[in-house]
Amino acid sequence: MQFVIYFAVLLLLFAGCLCLQVEVRAQCIDTYEPGCKLQVELGRPQRHCIDPTKYWMCQQINAKAVLKKCVANTGFDQNKEACIPWIGWVWKPCIEPPSRPTGWQ
C-alpha cells in the first residue's frame, strides 16, 4: 500500500514539473524592442517578436521606439520591412535589433 502512495506522489511531482517546464518555455518575454541608439535604426521597422501583427519604429536617436500595428489581416514581414497578407506570411526567427533600450535584460 505504501508503494502505491509513494508512486502516486512521485507521479504528481513529475506531472507538476512537466507542466511548469512547458509553461515557462511557452512564455516569450522578449519583444525585440530596439534601443533607437544608432542612425541605422531610424525609419526602419523592426518586428515585434511576440505579436507578428506589430512592429517597432525608431523616429529619433535615443528616443523610445514606437509600437505600430499592421492593418487587419496582415502580419509584419521583417525581410520586406512591411505588413503583408497572412497568405504570404511565413514565420522566421526574430532578428536582433542593432541596439537595445538602456537597462534591457
PDB file of N, CA and C in Angstrom:
ATOM      1  N   MET A   1       0.822  -1.189   0.000  1.00  0.00           N
ATOM      2  CA  MET A   1       0.000   0.000   0.000  1.00  0.00           C
ATOM      3  C   MET A   1       0.871   1.260   0.000  1.00  0.00           C
ATOM      4  N   GLN A   2       1.953   1.230   0.787  1.00  0.00           N
ATOM      5  CA  GLN A   2       2.850   2.384   0.823  1.00  0.00           C
ATOM      6  C   GLN A   2       3.462   2.642  -0.550  1.00  0.00           C
ATOM      7  N   PHE A   3       3.763   1.583  -1.264  1.00  0.00           N
ATOM      8  CA  PHE A   3       4.335   1.726  -2.600  1.00  0.00           C
ATOM      9  C   PHE A   3       3.395   2.506  -3.511  1.00  0.00           C
ATOM     10  N   VAL A   4       2.111   2.230  -3.443  1.00  0.00           N
ATOM     11  CA  VAL A   4       1.119   2.910  -4.279  1.00  0.00           C
ATOM     12  C   VAL A   4       1.075   4.401  -3.932  1.00  0.00           C
ATOM     13  N   ILE A   5       1.127   4.713  -2.651  1.00  0.00           N
ATOM     14  CA  ILE A   5       1.104   6.117  -2.220  1.00  0.00           C
ATOM     15  C   ILE A   5       2.366   6.836  -2.701  1.00  0.00           C
ATOM     16  N   TYR A   6       3.534   6.223  -2.503  1.00  0.00           N
ATOM     17  CA  TYR A   6       4.783   6.824  -2.964  1.00  0.00           C
ATOM     18  C   TYR A   6       4.778   7.017  -4.481  1.00  0.00           C
ATOM     19  N   PHE A   7       4.291   6.015  -5.179  1.00  0.00           N
ATOM     20  CA  PHE A   7       4.228   6.093  -6.640  1.00  0.00           C
ATOM     21  C   PHE A   7       3.301   7.229  -7.085  1.00  0.00           C
ATOM     22  N   ALA A   8       2.157   7.378  -6.429  1.00  0.00           N
ATOM     23  CA  ALA A   8       1.207   8.442  -6.774  1.00  0.00           C
ATOM     24  C   ALA A   8       1.821   9.818  -6.516  1.00  0.00           C
ATOM     25  N   VAL A   9       2.510   9.976  -5.391  1.00  0.00           N
ATOM     26  CA  VAL A   9       3.157  11.251  -5.071  1.00  0.00           C
ATOM     27  C   VAL A   9       4.248  11.555  -6.100  1.00  0.00           C
ATOM     28  N   LEU A  10       5.045  10.565  -6.431  1.00  0.00           N
ATOM     29  CA  LEU A  10       6.103  10.736  -7.419  1.00  0.00           C
ATOM     30  C   LEU A  10       5.522  11.117  -8.784  1.00  0.00           C
ATOM     31  N   LEU A  11       4.439  10.481  -9.155  1.00  0.00           N
ATOM     32  CA  LEU A  11       3.775  10.777 -10.423  1.00  0.00           C
ATOM     33  C   LEU A  11       3.237  12.207 -10.441  1.00  0.00           C
ATOM     34  N   LEU A  12       2.652  12.649  -9.336  1.00  0.00           N
ATOM     35  CA  LEU A  12       2.145  14.019  -9.246  1.00  0.00           C
ATOM     36  C   LEU A  12       3.279  15.041  -9.329  1.00  0.00           C
ATOM     37  N   LEU A  13       4.393  14.770  -8.656  1.00  0.00           N
ATOM     38  CA  LEU A  13       5.545  15.669  -8.728  1.00  0.00           C
ATOM     39  C   LEU A  13       6.087  15.761 -10.150  1.00  0.00           C
ATOM     40  N   PHE A  14       6.187  14.629 -10.809  1.00  0.00           N
ATOM     41  CA  PHE A  14       6.666  14.607 -12.189  1.00  0.00           C
ATOM     42  C   PHE A  14       5.734  15.403 -13.097  1.00  0.00           C
ATOM     43  N   ALA A  15       4.430  15.193 -12.957  1.00  0.00           N
ATOM     44  CA  ALA A  15       3.452  15.915 -13.781  1.00  0.00           C
ATOM     45  C   ALA A  15       3.524  17.416 -13.507  1.00  0.00           C
ATOM     46  N   GLY A  16       3.688  17.798 -12.252  1.00  0.00           N
ATOM     47  CA  GLY A  16       3.800  19.215 -11.906  1.00  0.00           C
ATOM     48  C   GLY A  16       5.035  19.851 -12.519  1.00  0.00           C
ATOM     49  N   CYS A  17       6.161  19.154 -12.451  1.00  0.00           N
ATOM     50  CA  CYS A  17       7.394  19.677 -13.053  1.00  0.00           C
ATOM     51  C   CYS A  17       7.259  19.787 -14.562  1.00  0.00           C
ATOM     52  N   LEU A  18       6.641  18.805 -15.176  1.00  0.00           N
ATOM     53  CA  LEU A  18       6.450  18.825 -16.623  1.00  0.00           C
ATOM     54  C   LEU A  18       5.569  19.999 -17.032  1.00  0.00           C
ATOM     55  N   CYS A  19       4.488  20.223 -16.307  1.00  0.00           N
ATOM     56  CA  CYS A  19       3.598  21.344 -16.621  1.00  0.00           C
ATOM     57  C   CYS A  19       4.319  22.675 -16.437  1.00  0.00           C
ATOM     58  N   LEU A  20       5.094  22.800 -15.387  1.00  0.00           N
ATOM     59  CA  LEU A  20       5.838  24.034 -15.133  1.00  0.00           C
ATOM     60  C   LEU A  20       6.840  24.293 -16.249  1.00  0.00           C
ATOM     61  N   GLN A  21       7.533  23.245 -16.683  1.00  0.00           N
ATOM     62  CA  GLN A  21       8.522  23.396 -17.741  1.00  0.00           C
ATOM     63  C   GLN A  21       7.859  23.833 -19.043  1.00  0.00           C
ATOM     64  N   VAL A  22       6.734  23.244 -19.394  1.00  0.00           N
ATOM     65  CA  VAL A  22       6.027  23.603 -20.620  1.00  0.00           C
ATOM     66  C   VAL A  22       5.547  25.043 -20.543  1.00  0.00           C
ATOM     67  N   GLU A  23       5.028  25.464 -19.382  1.00  0.00           N
ATOM     68  CA  GLU A  23       4.519  26.828 -19.251  1.00  0.00           C
ATOM     69  C   GLU A  23       5.648  27.849 -19.354  1.00  0.00           C
ATOM     70  N   VAL A  24       6.778  27.582 -18.728  1.00  0.00           N
ATOM     71  CA  VAL A  24       7.904  28.512 -18.764  1.00  0.00           C
ATOM     72  C   VAL A  24       8.440  28.626 -20.186  1.00  0.00           C
ATOM     73  N   ARG A  25       8.568  27.515 -20.889  1.00  0.00           N
ATOM     74  CA  ARG A  25       9.083  27.533 -22.244  1.00  0.00           C
ATOM     75  C   ARG A  25       8.134  28.270 -23.189  1.00  0.00           C
ATOM     76  N   ALA A  26       6.846  28.236 -22.913  1.00  0.00           N
ATOM     77  CA  ALA A  26       5.859  28.859 -23.787  1.00  0.00           C
ATOM     78  C   ALA A  26       5.800  30.371 -23.613  1.00  0.00           C
ATOM     79  N   GLN A  27       6.377  30.885 -22.546  1.00  0.00           N
ATOM     80  CA  GLN A  27       6.301  32.319 -22.285  1.00  0.00           C
ATOM     81  C   GLN A  27       7.495  33.034 -22.906  1.00  0.00           C
ATOM     82  N   CYS A  28       7.239  33.776 -23.964  1.00  0.00           N
ATOM     83  CA  CYS A  28       8.285  34.587 -24.588  1.00  0.00           C
ATOM     84  C   CYS A  28       8.151  35.996 -24.031  1.00  0.00           C
ATOM     85  N   ILE A  29       9.187  36.488 -23.415  1.00  0.00           N
ATOM     86  CA  ILE A  29       9.083  37.816 -22.808  1.00  0.00           C
ATOM     87  C   ILE A  29       9.903  38.862 -23.556  1.00  0.00           C
ATOM     88  N   ASP A  30      10.555  38.477 -24.640  1.00  0.00           N
ATOM     89  CA  ASP A  30      11.384  39.427 -25.372  1.00  0.00           C
ATOM     90  C   ASP A  30      10.655  39.907 -26.621  1.00  0.00           C
ATOM     91  N   THR A  31      10.352  41.191 -26.665  1.00  0.00           N
ATOM     92  CA  THR A  31       9.640  41.770 -27.803  1.00  0.00           C
ATOM     93  C   THR A  31      10.602  42.259 -28.882  1.00  0.00           C
ATOM     94  N   TYR A  32      11.908  42.167 -28.599  1.00  0.00           N
ATOM     95  CA  TYR A  32      12.949  42.645 -29.512  1.00  0.00           C
ATOM     96  C   TYR A  32      12.810  44.144 -29.780  1.00  0.00           C
ATOM     97  N   GLU A  33      12.437  44.880 -28.745  1.00  0.00           N
ATOM     98  CA  GLU A  33      12.332  46.337 -28.874  1.00  0.00           C
ATOM     99  C   GLU A  33      13.710  46.929 -29.158  1.00  0.00           C
ATOM    100  N   PRO A  34      13.826  47.744 -30.211  1.00  0.00           N
ATOM    101  CA  PRO A  34      15.121  48.368 -30.493  1.00  0.00           C
ATOM    102  C   PRO A  34      15.410  49.516 -29.528  1.00  0.00           C
ATOM    103  N   GLY A  35      16.690  49.828 -29.373  1.00  0.00           N
ATOM    104  CA  GLY A  35      17.088  50.898 -28.463  1.00  0.00           C
ATOM    105  C   GLY A  35      17.077  52.280 -29.085  1.00  0.00           C
ATOM    106  N   CYS A  36      16.977  52.349 -30.413  1.00  0.00           N
ATOM    107  CA  CYS A  36      16.967  53.636 -31.131  1.00  0.00           C
ATOM    108  C   CYS A  36      18.218  54.458 -30.806  1.00  0.00           C
ATOM    109  N   LYS A  37      19.363  53.788 -30.710  1.00  0.00           N
ATOM    110  CA  LYS A  37      20.615  54.464 -30.371  1.00  0.00           C
ATOM    111  C   LYS A  37      21.517  54.687 -31.582  1.00  0.00           C
ATOM    112  N   LEU A  38      21.179  54.052 -32.707  1.00  0.00           N
ATOM    113  CA  LEU A  38      22.022  54.132 -33.894  1.00  0.00           C
ATOM    114  C   LEU A  38      21.251  54.704 -35.078  1.00  0.00           C
ATOM    115  N   GLN A  39      21.948  55.416 -35.929  1.00  0.00           N
ATOM    116  CA  GLN A  39      21.335  56.038 -37.105  1.00  0.00           C
ATOM    117  C   GLN A  39      20.641  55.006 -37.996  1.00  0.00           C
ATOM    118  N   VAL A  40      21.220  53.821 -38.110  1.00  0.00           N
ATOM    119  CA  VAL A  40      20.672  52.778 -38.981  1.00  0.00           C
ATOM    120  C   VAL A  40      19.262  52.339 -38.556  1.00  0.00           C
ATOM    121  N   GLU A  41      18.888  52.583 -37.310  1.00  0.00           N
ATOM    122  CA  GLU A  41      17.570  52.177 -36.814  1.00  0.00           C
ATOM    123  C   GLU A  41      16.457  53.166 -37.161  1.00  0.00           C
ATOM    124  N   LEU A  42      16.817  54.384 -37.493  1.00  0.00           N
ATOM    125  CA  LEU A  42      15.804  55.412 -37.749  1.00  0.00           C
ATOM    126  C   LEU A  42      15.005  55.112 -39.017  1.00  0.00           C
ATOM    127  N   GLY A  43      13.688  55.162 -38.890  1.00  0.00           N
ATOM    128  CA  GLY A  43      12.799  54.953 -40.026  1.00  0.00           C
ATOM    129  C   GLY A  43      12.760  53.540 -40.559  1.00  0.00           C
ATOM    130  N   ARG A  44      13.382  52.615 -39.851  1.00  0.00           N
ATOM    131  CA  ARG A  44      13.428  51.220 -40.294  1.00  0.00           C
ATOM    132  C   ARG A  44      12.614  50.367 -39.325  1.00  0.00           C
ATOM    133  N   PRO A  45      11.525  49.762 -39.792  1.00  0.00           N
ATOM    134  CA  PRO A  45      10.689  48.972 -38.886  1.00  0.00           C
ATOM    135  C   PRO A  45      11.391  47.704 -38.416  1.00  0.00           C
ATOM    136  N   GLN A  46      11.150  47.348 -37.151  1.00  0.00           N
ATOM    137  CA  GLN A  46      11.695  46.127 -36.552  1.00  0.00           C
ATOM    138  C   GLN A  46      10.543  45.288 -36.023  1.00  0.00           C
ATOM    139  N   ARG A  47      10.564  44.022 -36.302  1.00  0.00           N
ATOM    140  CA  ARG A  47       9.499  43.108 -35.894  1.00  0.00           C
ATOM    141  C   ARG A  47       9.340  43.034 -34.378  1.00  0.00           C
ATOM    142  N   HIS A  48       8.099  43.002 -33.926  1.00  0.00           N
ATOM    143  CA  HIS A  48       7.758  42.719 -32.527  1.00  0.00           C
ATOM    144  C   HIS A  48       7.756  41.198 -32.433  1.00  0.00           C
ATOM    145  N   CYS A  49       8.609  40.642 -31.614  1.00  0.00           N
ATOM    146  CA  CYS A  49       8.832  39.197 -31.657  1.00  0.00           C
ATOM    147  C   CYS A  49       7.708  38.358 -31.054  1.00  0.00           C
ATOM    148  N   ILE A  50       6.854  38.929 -30.255  1.00  0.00           N
ATOM    149  CA  ILE A  50       5.760  38.164 -29.661  1.00  0.00           C
ATOM    150  C   ILE A  50       4.506  38.246 -30.519  1.00  0.00           C
ATOM    151  N   ASP A  51       4.216  39.405 -31.060  1.00  0.00           N
ATOM    152  CA  ASP A  51       2.986  39.626 -31.830  1.00  0.00           C
ATOM    153  C   ASP A  51       3.339  39.994 -33.269  1.00  0.00           C
ATOM    154  N   PRO A  52       3.136  39.087 -34.229  1.00  0.00           N
ATOM    155  CA  PRO A  52       3.515  39.369 -35.614  1.00  0.00           C
ATOM    156  C   PRO A  52       2.651  40.423 -36.303  1.00  0.00           C
ATOM    157  N   THR A  53       1.618  40.911 -35.627  1.00  0.00           N
ATOM    158  CA  THR A  53       0.805  41.981 -36.216  1.00  0.00           C
ATOM    159  C   THR A  53       1.341  43.357 -35.824  1.00  0.00           C
ATOM    160  N   LYS A  54       2.461  43.384 -35.093  1.00  0.00           N
ATOM    161  CA  LYS A  54       3.033  44.651 -34.628  1.00  0.00           C
ATOM    162  C   LYS A  54       4.502  44.758 -35.024  1.00  0.00           C
ATOM    163  N   TYR A  55       4.985  45.987 -35.024  1.00  0.00           N
ATOM    164  CA  TYR A  55       6.395  46.242 -35.301  1.00  0.00           C
ATOM    165  C   TYR A  55       6.820  47.526 -34.595  1.00  0.00           C
ATOM    166  N   TRP A  56       8.129  47.659 -34.388  1.00  0.00           N
ATOM    167  CA  TRP A  56       8.704  48.828 -33.726  1.00  0.00           C
ATOM    168  C   TRP A  56       9.239  49.798 -34.766  1.00  0.00           C
ATOM    169  N   MET A  57       9.183  51.094 -34.461  1.00  0.00           N
ATOM    170  CA  MET A  57       9.729  52.113 -35.356  1.00  0.00           C
ATOM    171  C   MET A  57      10.480  53.149 -34.517  1.00  0.00           C
ATOM    172  N   CYS A  58      11.742  53.375 -34.867  1.00  0.00           N
ATOM    173  CA  CYS A  58      12.541  54.421 -34.221  1.00  0.00           C
ATOM    174  C   CYS A  58      12.372  55.704 -35.022  1.00  0.00           C
ATOM    175  N   GLN A  59      11.950  56.765 -34.349  1.00  0.00           N
ATOM    176  CA  GLN A  59      11.723  58.030 -35.042  1.00  0.00           C
ATOM    177  C   GLN A  59      12.828  59.047 -34.787  1.00  0.00           C
ATOM    178  N   GLN A  60      13.572  58.862 -33.682  1.00  0.00           N
ATOM    179  CA  GLN A  60      14.727  59.731 -33.431  1.00  0.00           C
ATOM    180  C   GLN A  60      15.707  59.012 -32.513  1.00  0.00           C
ATOM    181  N   ILE A  61      16.957  59.432 -32.576  1.00  0.00           N
ATOM    182  CA  ILE A  61      18.022  58.823 -31.777  1.00  0.00           C
ATOM    183  C   ILE A  61      17.737  59.013 -30.288  1.00  0.00           C
ATOM    184  N   ASN A  62      17.971  57.953 -29.521  1.00  0.00           N
ATOM    185  CA  ASN A  62      17.818  57.918 -28.065  1.00  0.00           C
ATOM    186  C   ASN A  62      16.391  58.138 -27.567  1.00  0.00           C
ATOM    187  N   ALA A  63      15.412  58.057 -28.449  1.00  0.00           N
ATOM    188  CA  ALA A  63      14.006  58.130 -28.032  1.00  0.00           C
ATOM    189  C   ALA A  63      13.462  56.707 -27.924  1.00  0.00           C
ATOM    190  N   LYS A  64      12.367  56.557 -27.227  1.00  0.00           N
ATOM    191  CA  LYS A  64      11.733  55.243 -27.104  1.00  0.00           C
ATOM    192  C   LYS A  64      11.130  54.845 -28.445  1.00  0.00           C
ATOM    193  N   ALA A  65      11.295  53.582 -28.826  1.00  0.00           N
ATOM    194  CA  ALA A  65      10.708  53.078 -30.069  1.00  0.00           C
ATOM    195  C   ALA A  65       9.183  53.128 -29.970  1.00  0.00           C
ATOM    196  N   VAL A  66       8.545  53.418 -31.085  1.00  0.00           N
ATOM    197  CA  VAL A  66       7.082  53.496 -31.144  1.00  0.00           C
ATOM    198  C   VAL A  66       6.554  52.158 -31.646  1.00  0.00           C
ATOM    199  N   LEU A  67       5.565  51.614 -30.939  1.00  0.00           N
ATOM    200  CA  LEU A  67       4.954  50.349 -31.342  1.00  0.00           C
ATOM    201  C   LEU A  67       3.823  50.641 -32.317  1.00  0.00           C
ATOM    202  N   LYS A  68       3.909  50.048 -33.505  1.00  0.00           N
ATOM    203  CA  LYS A  68       2.895  50.246 -34.545  1.00  0.00           C
ATOM    204  C   LYS A  68       2.185  48.927 -34.799  1.00  0.00           C
ATOM    205  N   LYS A  69       0.987  49.009 -35.384  1.00  0.00           N
ATOM    206  CA  LYS A  69       0.188  47.812 -35.658  1.00  0.00           C
ATOM    207  C   LYS A  69      -0.134  47.735 -37.141  1.00  0.00           C
ATOM    208  N   CYS A  70      -0.024  46.535 -37.693  1.00  0.00           N
ATOM    209  CA  CYS A  70      -0.397  46.302 -39.089  1.00  0.00           C
ATOM    210  C   CYS A  70      -1.909  46.420 -39.243  1.00  0.00           C
ATOM    211  N   VAL A  71      -2.358  46.689 -40.458  1.00  0.00           N
ATOM    212  CA  VAL A  71      -3.799  46.719 -40.719  1.00  0.00           C
ATOM    213  C   VAL A  71      -4.347  45.300 -40.599  1.00  0.00           C
ATOM    214  N   ALA A  72      -5.652  45.176 -40.486  1.00  0.00           N
ATOM    215  CA  ALA A  72      -6.303  43.870 -40.318  1.00  0.00           C
ATOM    216  C   ALA A  72      -5.888  42.899 -41.429  1.00  0.00           C
ATOM    217  N   ASN A  73      -5.788  41.645 -41.051  1.00  0.00           N
ATOM    218  CA  ASN A  73      -5.482  40.538 -41.972  1.00  0.00           C
ATOM    219  C   ASN A  73      -4.080  40.594 -42.572  1.00  0.00           C
ATOM    220  N   THR A  74      -3.154  41.244 -41.863  1.00  0.00           N
ATOM    221  CA  THR A  74      -1.761  41.273 -42.307  1.00  0.00           C
ATOM    222  C   THR A  74      -0.831  41.019 -41.128  1.00  0.00           C
ATOM    223  N   GLY A  75       0.380  40.580 -41.440  1.00  0.00           N
ATOM    224  CA  GLY A  75       1.420  40.373 -40.449  1.00  0.00           C
ATOM    225  C   GLY A  75       2.699  41.037 -40.926  1.00  0.00           C
ATOM    226  N   PHE A  76       3.563  41.390 -39.998  1.00  0.00           N
ATOM    227  CA  PHE A  76       4.794  42.094 -40.356  1.00  0.00           C
ATOM    228  C   PHE A  76       5.851  41.116 -40.843  1.00  0.00           C
ATOM    229  N   ASP A  77       6.420  41.384 -42.006  1.00  0.00           N
ATOM    230  CA  ASP A  77       7.494  40.581 -42.593  1.00  0.00           C
ATOM    231  C   ASP A  77       8.796  41.377 -42.472  1.00  0.00           C
ATOM    232  N   GLN A  78       9.739  40.864 -41.676  1.00  0.00           N
ATOM    233  CA  GLN A  78      10.992  41.587 -41.428  1.00  0.00           C
ATOM    234  C   GLN A  78      11.823  41.738 -42.694  1.00  0.00           C
ATOM    235  N   ASN A  79      11.822  40.732 -43.564  1.00  0.00           N
ATOM    236  CA  ASN A  79      12.622  40.819 -44.791  1.00  0.00           C
ATOM    237  C   ASN A  79      12.111  41.909 -45.727  1.00  0.00           C
ATOM    238  N   LYS A  80      10.801  42.068 -45.791  1.00  0.00           N
ATOM    239  CA  LYS A  80      10.208  43.088 -46.663  1.00  0.00           C
ATOM    240  C   LYS A  80      10.018  44.417 -45.938  1.00  0.00           C
ATOM    241  N   GLU A  81      10.213  44.392 -44.619  1.00  0.00           N
ATOM    242  CA  GLU A  81      10.017  45.571 -43.768  1.00  0.00           C
ATOM    243  C   GLU A  81       8.652  46.201 -44.002  1.00  0.00           C
ATOM    244  N   ALA A  82       7.646  45.337 -44.082  1.00  0.00           N
ATOM    245  CA  ALA A  82       6.279  45.802 -44.346  1.00  0.00           C
ATOM    246  C   ALA A  82       5.278  44.766 -43.844  1.00  0.00           C
ATOM    247  N   CYS A  83       4.050  45.203 -43.676  1.00  0.00           N
ATOM    248  CA  CYS A  83       2.963  44.292 -43.339  1.00  0.00           C
ATOM    249  C   CYS A  83       2.460  43.671 -44.641  1.00  0.00           C
ATOM    250  N   ILE A  84       2.310  42.358 -44.634  1.00  0.00           N
ATOM    251  CA  ILE A  84       1.867  41.654 -45.836  1.00  0.00           C
ATOM    252  C   ILE A  84       0.664  40.778 -45.488  1.00  0.00           C
ATOM    253  N   PRO A  85      -0.152  40.374 -46.479  1.00  0.00           N
ATOM    254  CA  PRO A  85      -1.291  39.491 -46.203  1.00  0.00           C
ATOM    255  C   PRO A  85      -0.826  38.172 -45.574  1.00  0.00           C
ATOM    256  N   TRP A  86      -1.647  37.626 -44.684  1.00  0.00           N
ATOM    257  CA  TRP A  86      -1.291  36.391 -43.982  1.00  0.00           C
ATOM    258  C   TRP A  86      -0.976  35.249 -44.931  1.00  0.00           C
ATOM    259  N   ILE A  87      -1.611  35.216 -46.083  1.00  0.00           N
ATOM    260  CA  ILE A  87      -1.388  34.123 -47.029  1.00  0.00           C
ATOM    261  C   ILE A  87       0.080  34.046 -47.455  1.00  0.00           C
ATOM    262  N   GLY A  88       0.769  35.182 -47.456  1.00  0.00           N
ATOM    263  CA  GLY A  88       2.173  35.204 -47.848  1.00  0.00           C
ATOM    264  C   GLY A  88       3.148  35.264 -46.690  1.00  0.00           C
ATOM    265  N   TRP A  89       2.628  35.346 -45.464  1.00  0.00           N
ATOM    266  CA  TRP A  89       3.486  35.491 -44.284  1.00  0.00           C
ATOM    267  C   TRP A  89       4.013  34.133 -43.848  1.00  0.00           C
ATOM    268  N   VAL A  90       5.301  34.068 -43.540  1.00  0.00           N
ATOM    269  CA  VAL A  90       5.935  32.838 -43.063  1.00  0.00           C
ATOM    270  C   VAL A  90       6.700  33.167 -41.790  1.00  0.00           C
ATOM    271  N   TRP A  91       6.545  32.321 -40.757  1.00  0.00           N
ATOM    272  CA  TRP A  91       7.271  32.558 -39.513  1.00  0.00           C
ATOM    273  C   TRP A  91       8.760  32.372 -39.755  1.00  0.00           C
ATOM    274  N   LYS A  92       9.549  33.288 -39.209  1.00  0.00           N
ATOM    275  CA  LYS A  92      11.009  33.206 -39.234  1.00  0.00           C
ATOM    276  C   LYS A  92      11.511  33.677 -37.878  1.00  0.00           C
ATOM    277  N   PRO A  93      12.681  33.213 -37.457  1.00  0.00           N
ATOM    278  CA  PRO A  93      13.220  33.690 -36.180  1.00  0.00           C
ATOM    279  C   PRO A  93      13.404  35.205 -36.202  1.00  0.00           C
ATOM    280  N   CYS A  94      13.240  35.814 -35.057  1.00  0.00           N
ATOM    281  CA  CYS A  94      13.410  37.266 -34.953  1.00  0.00           C
ATOM    282  C   CYS A  94      14.873  37.646 -35.145  1.00  0.00           C
ATOM    283  N   ILE A  95      15.081  38.832 -35.676  1.00  0.00           N
ATOM    284  CA  ILE A  95      16.428  39.361 -35.889  1.00  0.00           C
ATOM    285  C   ILE A  95      16.743  40.326 -34.747  1.00  0.00           C
ATOM    286  N   GLU A  96      17.882  40.128 -34.131  1.00  0.00           N
ATOM    287  CA  GLU A  96      18.315  41.005 -33.032  1.00  0.00           C
ATOM    288  C   GLU A  96      18.454  42.432 -33.549  1.00  0.00           C
ATOM    289  N   PRO A  97      17.832  43.414 -32.880  1.00  0.00           N
ATOM    290  CA  PRO A  97      17.976  44.804 -33.329  1.00  0.00           C
ATOM    291  C   PRO A  97      19.411  45.295 -33.127  1.00  0.00           C
ATOM    292  N   PRO A  98      19.823  46.308 -33.881  1.00  0.00           N
ATOM    293  CA  PRO A  98      21.189  46.825 -33.754  1.00  0.00           C
ATOM    294  C   PRO A  98      21.529  47.332 -32.348  1.00  0.00           C
ATOM    295  N   SER A  99      20.541  47.865 -31.627  1.00  0.00           N
ATOM    296  CA  SER A  99      20.771  48.295 -30.241  1.00  0.00           C
ATOM    297  C   SER A  99      19.545  47.941 -29.408  1.00  0.00           C
ATOM    298  N   ARG A 100      19.709  47.978 -28.100  1.00  0.00           N
ATOM    299  CA  ARG A 100      18.619  47.690 -27.169  1.00  0.00           C
ATOM    300  C   ARG A 100      18.426  48.876 -26.239  1.00  0.00           C
ATOM    301  N   PRO A 101      17.208  49.015 -25.665  1.00  0.00           N
ATOM    302  CA  PRO A 101      16.964  50.117 -24.722  1.00  0.00           C
ATOM    303  C   PRO A 101      17.895  50.031 -23.509  1.00  0.00           C
ATOM    304  N   THR A 102      18.219  51.170 -22.928  1.00  0.00           N
ATOM    305  CA  THR A 102      19.036  51.210 -21.721  1.00  0.00           C
ATOM    306  C   THR A 102      18.342  50.421 -20.620  1.00  0.00           C
ATOM    307  N   GLY A 103      19.092  49.575 -19.942  1.00  0.00           N
ATOM    308  CA  GLY A 103      18.532  48.769 -18.864  1.00  0.00           C
ATOM    309  C   GLY A 103      17.891  47.479 -19.324  1.00  0.00           C
ATOM    310  N   TRP A 104      17.965  47.182 -20.621  1.00  0.00           N
ATOM    311  CA  TRP A 104      17.378  45.946 -21.122  1.00  0.00           C
ATOM    312  C   TRP A 104      18.090  44.761 -20.493  1.00  0.00           C
ATOM    313  N   GLN A 105      17.360  43.730 -20.203  1.00  0.00           N
ATOM    314  CA  GLN A 105      17.785  42.476 -19.587  1.00  0.00           C
ATOM    315  C   GLN A 105      17.508  42.560 -18.169  1.00  0.00           C
TER     316      GLN A 105
END
